[in-house]
């Protein structure tokens, strides 16, 4: 059972995510993800859970590579696009903090920094616990997460947007280093029955530190924890545009 309303902040901008961001994010992280799946011997036909799958672009690609993929997301509107993009996949509407799936997955991925929208550290650790429970023994968790330094360039300026004949939108990003909280505000104008309607959306993200993330992974039992950069190489600095964490479920 969902404990929060998935329509509150995600459904209204599912079209924007599908048309502008989903494929872009997938293409940006795909080479590193494929490299790490091979490195951890996650072979085609393996069962993979894509957590916070959004509009399913990564699911589509992995299925084309022969993997058996299940996508999970909290937004029904996002999943509607995902079902169109990857019609051969299984999709689940649920909250990353509270889902319950049996230990059937060789790998769980969360590629597009969706976990940065988990604002509380204790909630992030709860997500890790749910992931741990869904993995087979020796299963691998691979997830992208933006660390604190990534958000420090967010200054309230317009970062993205587009204008169509019947649809226009703009996104502004800002970040408070004291609170470690960022905001991306999306303003949408849409033509409805020959009248323009405006919708303002304000989503929050959390900038975590390496220590916070690694400690939370260890607290739920993950071992063999590593941190990679956007190319899938071991990160040799505190800052990386795309940071990827990995952890292994201990064999019992």
Protein backbone atom coordinates (compact mmCIF):
# COMPACT_ATOMS: atom_id res chain seq x y z
CA UNK A 1 0.00 0.00 0.00
CA UNK A 2 1.28 3.46 -0.87
CA UNK A 3 1.73 5.80 2.03
CA UNK A 4 2.07 9.03 0.05
CA UNK A 5 0.12 10.39 -2.87
CA UNK A 6 2.09 9.67 -6.06
CA UNK A 7 0.13 12.33 -7.93
CA UNK A 8 1.45 15.13 -5.72
CA UNK A 9 4.69 15.99 -7.50
CA UNK A 10 5.53 13.47 -10.21
CA UNK A 11 2.51 12.87 -12.40
CA UNK A 12 2.13 16.47 -13.66
CA UNK A 13 5.59 16.55 -15.24
CA UNK A 14 5.77 12.97 -16.53
CA UNK A 15 5.41 14.28 -20.10
CA UNK A 16 8.45 16.56 -19.63
CA UNK A 17 10.51 13.73 -18.14
CA UNK A 18 9.58 11.39 -20.98
CA UNK A 19 10.12 13.89 -23.80
CA UNK A 20 13.23 15.65 -22.52
CA UNK A 21 15.05 13.96 -19.64
CA UNK A 22 14.44 10.21 -19.55
CA UNK A 23 16.36 9.27 -22.68
CA UNK A 24 19.05 11.90 -21.98
CA UNK A 25 19.74 10.52 -18.50
CA UNK A 26 19.73 6.96 -19.82
CA UNK A 27 22.28 7.75 -22.52
CA UNK A 28 24.50 9.63 -20.06
CA UNK A 29 24.86 6.80 -17.55
CA UNK A 30 24.38 3.80 -19.83
CA UNK A 31 28.05 3.16 -20.75
CA UNK A 32 29.09 3.15 -17.07
CA UNK A 33 26.15 0.97 -16.05
CA UNK A 34 26.81 -1.59 -18.79
CA UNK A 35 30.48 -1.67 -17.80
CA UNK A 36 29.65 -2.30 -14.14
CA UNK A 37 27.01 -4.95 -14.89
CA UNK A 38 29.68 -6.84 -16.85
CA UNK A 39 32.25 -6.25 -14.13
CA UNK A 40 29.93 -7.78 -11.54
CA UNK A 41 29.07 -10.66 -13.89
CA UNK A 42 25.39 -9.72 -14.28
CA UNK A 43 24.76 -11.58 -17.52
CA UNK A 44 21.91 -11.21 -20.02
CA UNK A 45 18.81 -13.13 -18.89
CA UNK A 46 19.54 -12.09 -15.29
CA UNK A 47 16.62 -10.59 -13.36
CA UNK A 48 17.04 -6.86 -12.71
CA UNK A 49 14.86 -4.45 -10.75
CA UNK A 50 15.00 -0.83 -11.96
CA UNK A 51 14.07 1.23 -8.90
CA UNK A 52 12.61 4.69 -9.60
CA UNK A 53 12.45 3.66 -13.25
CA UNK A 54 10.66 6.82 -14.40
CA UNK A 55 9.50 6.55 -18.00
CA UNK A 56 11.30 3.30 -18.66
CA UNK A 57 14.08 4.26 -21.07
CA UNK A 58 16.69 2.26 -19.14
CA UNK A 59 14.28 -0.66 -18.82
CA UNK A 60 13.80 -0.64 -22.60
CA UNK A 61 17.51 -0.74 -23.29
CA UNK A 62 18.25 -3.52 -20.79
CA UNK A 63 15.45 -5.67 -22.18
CA UNK A 64 16.90 -5.19 -25.66
CA UNK A 65 20.19 -6.53 -24.24
CA UNK A 66 18.44 -9.70 -23.06
CA UNK A 67 17.89 -8.92 -19.36
CA UNK A 68 14.64 -9.71 -17.55
CA UNK A 69 13.64 -6.33 -16.13
CA UNK A 70 11.00 -5.13 -13.67
CA UNK A 71 10.51 -1.40 -13.25
CA UNK A 72 9.19 0.22 -10.07
CA UNK A 73 8.10 3.82 -9.69
CA UNK A 74 5.76 5.88 -7.51
CA UNK A 75 4.15 7.78 -10.39
CA UNK A 76 1.36 6.19 -12.40
CA UNK A 77 1.81 8.80 -15.14
CA UNK A 78 5.52 7.96 -15.42
CA UNK A 79 4.63 4.27 -15.65
CA UNK A 80 2.10 4.92 -18.41
CA UNK A 81 4.94 6.24 -20.56
CA UNK A 82 7.20 3.40 -19.37
CA UNK A 83 4.69 0.79 -20.54
CA UNK A 84 4.68 2.43 -23.97
CA UNK A 85 8.48 2.65 -24.11
CA UNK A 86 9.07 -0.91 -22.86
CA UNK A 87 5.91 -2.95 -23.50
CA UNK A 88 7.63 -6.27 -22.72
CA UNK A 89 8.63 -5.27 -19.20
CA UNK A 90 6.79 -5.70 -15.93
CA UNK A 91 6.07 -2.49 -14.01
CA UNK A 92 5.04 -1.98 -10.40
CA UNK A 93 3.46 1.13 -8.87
CA UNK A 94 4.97 1.49 -5.40
CA UNK A 95 7.07 3.61 -3.07
CA UNK A 96 10.83 2.88 -3.01
CA UNK A 97 10.76 3.15 0.80
CA UNK A 98 8.03 0.60 1.37
CA UNK A 99 7.96 -1.95 -1.46
CA UNK A 100 8.12 -5.64 -0.58
CA UNK A 101 9.45 -8.05 -3.19
CA UNK A 102 10.91 -11.52 -2.61
CA UNK A 103 14.66 -12.12 -3.07
CA UNK A 104 14.57 -12.91 -6.79
CA UNK A 105 16.82 -10.26 -8.40
CA UNK A 106 20.43 -10.68 -9.44
CA UNK A 107 20.80 -6.89 -9.47
CA UNK A 108 18.87 -3.79 -8.46
CA UNK A 109 19.69 -0.55 -10.24
CA UNK A 110 18.59 3.05 -9.76
CA UNK A 111 20.39 4.93 -12.47
CA UNK A 112 19.08 8.49 -12.68
CA UNK A 113 19.64 9.98 -9.20
CA UNK A 114 16.00 9.39 -8.30
CA UNK A 115 17.13 8.47 -4.80
CA UNK A 116 18.23 12.09 -4.26
CA UNK A 117 14.51 12.79 -3.91
CA UNK A 118 14.54 10.74 -0.71
CA UNK A 119 15.05 13.70 1.65
CA UNK A 120 15.67 11.99 4.99
CA UNK A 121 18.72 9.82 5.60
CA UNK A 122 16.67 7.33 7.61
CA UNK A 123 14.30 6.96 4.64
CA UNK A 124 17.23 6.40 2.29
CA UNK A 125 18.49 3.65 4.58
CA UNK A 126 15.01 2.14 4.54
CA UNK A 127 15.16 2.07 0.73
CA UNK A 128 18.50 0.26 0.99
CA UNK A 129 16.93 -2.27 3.36
CA UNK A 130 14.09 -2.98 0.92
CA UNK A 131 16.59 -3.39 -1.90
CA UNK A 132 18.68 -5.77 0.23
CA UNK A 133 15.62 -7.92 0.91
CA UNK A 134 14.78 -8.15 -2.83
CA UNK A 135 18.24 -9.34 -3.91
CA UNK A 136 19.43 -12.89 -4.26
CA UNK A 137 22.48 -13.84 -2.22
CA UNK A 138 25.55 -12.20 -3.80
CA UNK A 139 23.20 -9.85 -5.68
CA UNK A 140 24.45 -6.38 -6.63
CA UNK A 141 22.95 -2.94 -5.97
CA UNK A 142 24.07 -0.23 -8.42
CA UNK A 143 22.68 3.27 -8.06
CA UNK A 144 23.46 6.79 -9.14
CA UNK A 145 23.39 9.54 -6.54
CA UNK A 146 24.41 13.19 -6.71
CA UNK A 147 26.64 14.17 -3.79
CA UNK A 148 26.69 17.54 -2.06
CA UNK A 149 29.17 19.27 -4.36
CA UNK A 150 27.07 18.50 -7.42
CA UNK A 151 24.30 20.83 -6.25
CA UNK A 152 26.45 23.78 -5.25
CA UNK A 153 26.25 25.20 -8.78
CA UNK A 154 22.45 25.44 -8.55
CA UNK A 155 21.84 29.20 -8.29
CA UNK A 156 18.16 29.74 -9.10
CA UNK A 157 18.70 30.38 -12.80
CA UNK A 158 16.64 28.72 -15.54
CA UNK A 159 18.38 25.43 -16.30
CA UNK A 160 16.11 23.91 -18.93
CA UNK A 161 12.87 24.44 -20.81
CA UNK A 162 11.09 24.52 -24.15
CA UNK A 163 8.25 26.27 -25.97
CA UNK A 164 5.71 24.55 -28.23
CA UNK A 165 2.53 25.88 -29.81
CA UNK A 166 0.37 24.42 -27.03
CA UNK A 167 2.89 23.63 -24.29
CA UNK A 168 5.74 25.53 -22.65
CA UNK A 169 7.86 24.88 -19.59
CA UNK A 170 10.92 26.09 -17.71
CA UNK A 171 12.94 24.64 -14.83
CA UNK A 172 14.90 26.64 -12.22
CA UNK A 173 17.37 25.02 -9.79
CA UNK A 174 18.56 26.28 -6.40
CA UNK A 175 20.41 24.75 -3.45
CA UNK A 176 20.87 25.51 0.25
CA UNK A 177 24.23 24.09 1.43
CA UNK A 178 23.27 24.69 5.07
CA UNK A 179 20.21 22.46 4.79
CA UNK A 180 21.71 20.22 2.07
CA UNK A 181 18.41 20.64 0.25
CA UNK A 182 17.98 21.59 -3.39
CA UNK A 183 14.84 22.64 -5.23
CA UNK A 184 13.97 22.32 -8.86
CA UNK A 185 10.93 24.38 -9.75
CA UNK A 186 9.05 23.56 -12.93
CA UNK A 187 6.56 26.01 -14.39
CA UNK A 188 4.28 24.59 -17.07
CA UNK A 189 1.94 26.46 -19.40
CA UNK A 190 -0.47 24.26 -21.34
CA UNK A 191 -3.23 25.14 -23.78
CA UNK A 192 -6.50 23.60 -22.60
CA UNK A 193 -9.70 24.36 -24.52
CA UNK A 194 -8.10 27.44 -26.11
CA UNK A 195 -7.02 28.83 -22.74
CA UNK A 196 -3.52 28.79 -21.26
CA UNK A 197 -3.30 27.12 -17.86
CA UNK A 198 -0.31 27.46 -15.54
CA UNK A 199 1.03 24.82 -13.16
CA UNK A 200 3.94 25.33 -10.73
CA UNK A 201 5.77 22.31 -9.32
CA UNK A 202 8.42 22.42 -6.60
CA UNK A 203 10.43 19.24 -6.00
CA UNK A 204 13.10 18.81 -3.33
CA UNK A 205 16.35 16.86 -3.52
CA UNK A 206 18.95 16.03 -0.88
CA UNK A 207 22.68 16.29 -1.36
CA UNK A 208 24.23 13.39 0.56
CA UNK A 209 27.86 12.87 1.53
CA UNK A 210 29.84 9.76 0.68
CA UNK A 211 30.08 8.88 4.34
CA UNK A 212 26.32 9.06 4.85
CA UNK A 213 25.63 6.79 1.90
CA UNK A 214 28.32 4.22 2.69
CA UNK A 215 27.31 4.07 6.36
CA UNK A 216 23.64 3.54 5.43
CA UNK A 217 24.61 0.70 3.06
CA UNK A 218 26.72 -0.97 5.75
CA UNK A 219 23.94 -0.59 8.32
CA UNK A 220 21.60 -2.82 6.31
CA UNK A 221 24.27 -5.43 5.54
CA UNK A 222 25.81 -4.49 2.18
CA UNK A 223 29.46 -5.39 1.67
CA UNK A 224 31.99 -4.89 -1.14
CA UNK A 225 30.93 -1.23 -1.33
CA UNK A 226 32.55 0.84 -4.08
CA UNK A 227 32.14 4.32 -5.53
CA UNK A 228 32.53 5.00 -9.25
CA UNK A 229 32.57 8.05 -11.47
CA UNK A 230 30.35 8.65 -14.49
CA UNK A 231 32.56 6.43 -16.65
CA UNK A 232 32.37 3.44 -14.34
CA UNK A 233 35.89 3.91 -12.96
CA UNK A 234 36.70 3.98 -9.24
CA UNK A 235 36.13 7.59 -8.19
CA UNK A 236 39.41 9.17 -7.11
CA UNK A 237 37.97 12.47 -5.87
CA UNK A 238 35.09 13.67 -3.72
CA UNK A 239 33.33 15.22 -6.70
CA UNK A 240 31.97 13.50 -9.78
CA UNK A 241 29.25 14.70 -12.12
CA UNK A 242 27.63 11.27 -11.95
CA UNK A 243 28.50 9.21 -8.86
CA UNK A 244 27.62 5.51 -8.86
CA UNK A 245 27.62 3.39 -5.70
CA UNK A 246 27.70 -0.38 -5.57
CA UNK A 247 27.08 -2.88 -2.80
CA UNK A 248 26.76 -6.65 -2.58
CA UNK A 249 24.27 -8.68 -0.55
CA UNK A 250 26.22 -11.07 1.61
CA UNK A 251 25.94 -14.75 0.87
CA UNK A 252 24.38 -16.74 3.71
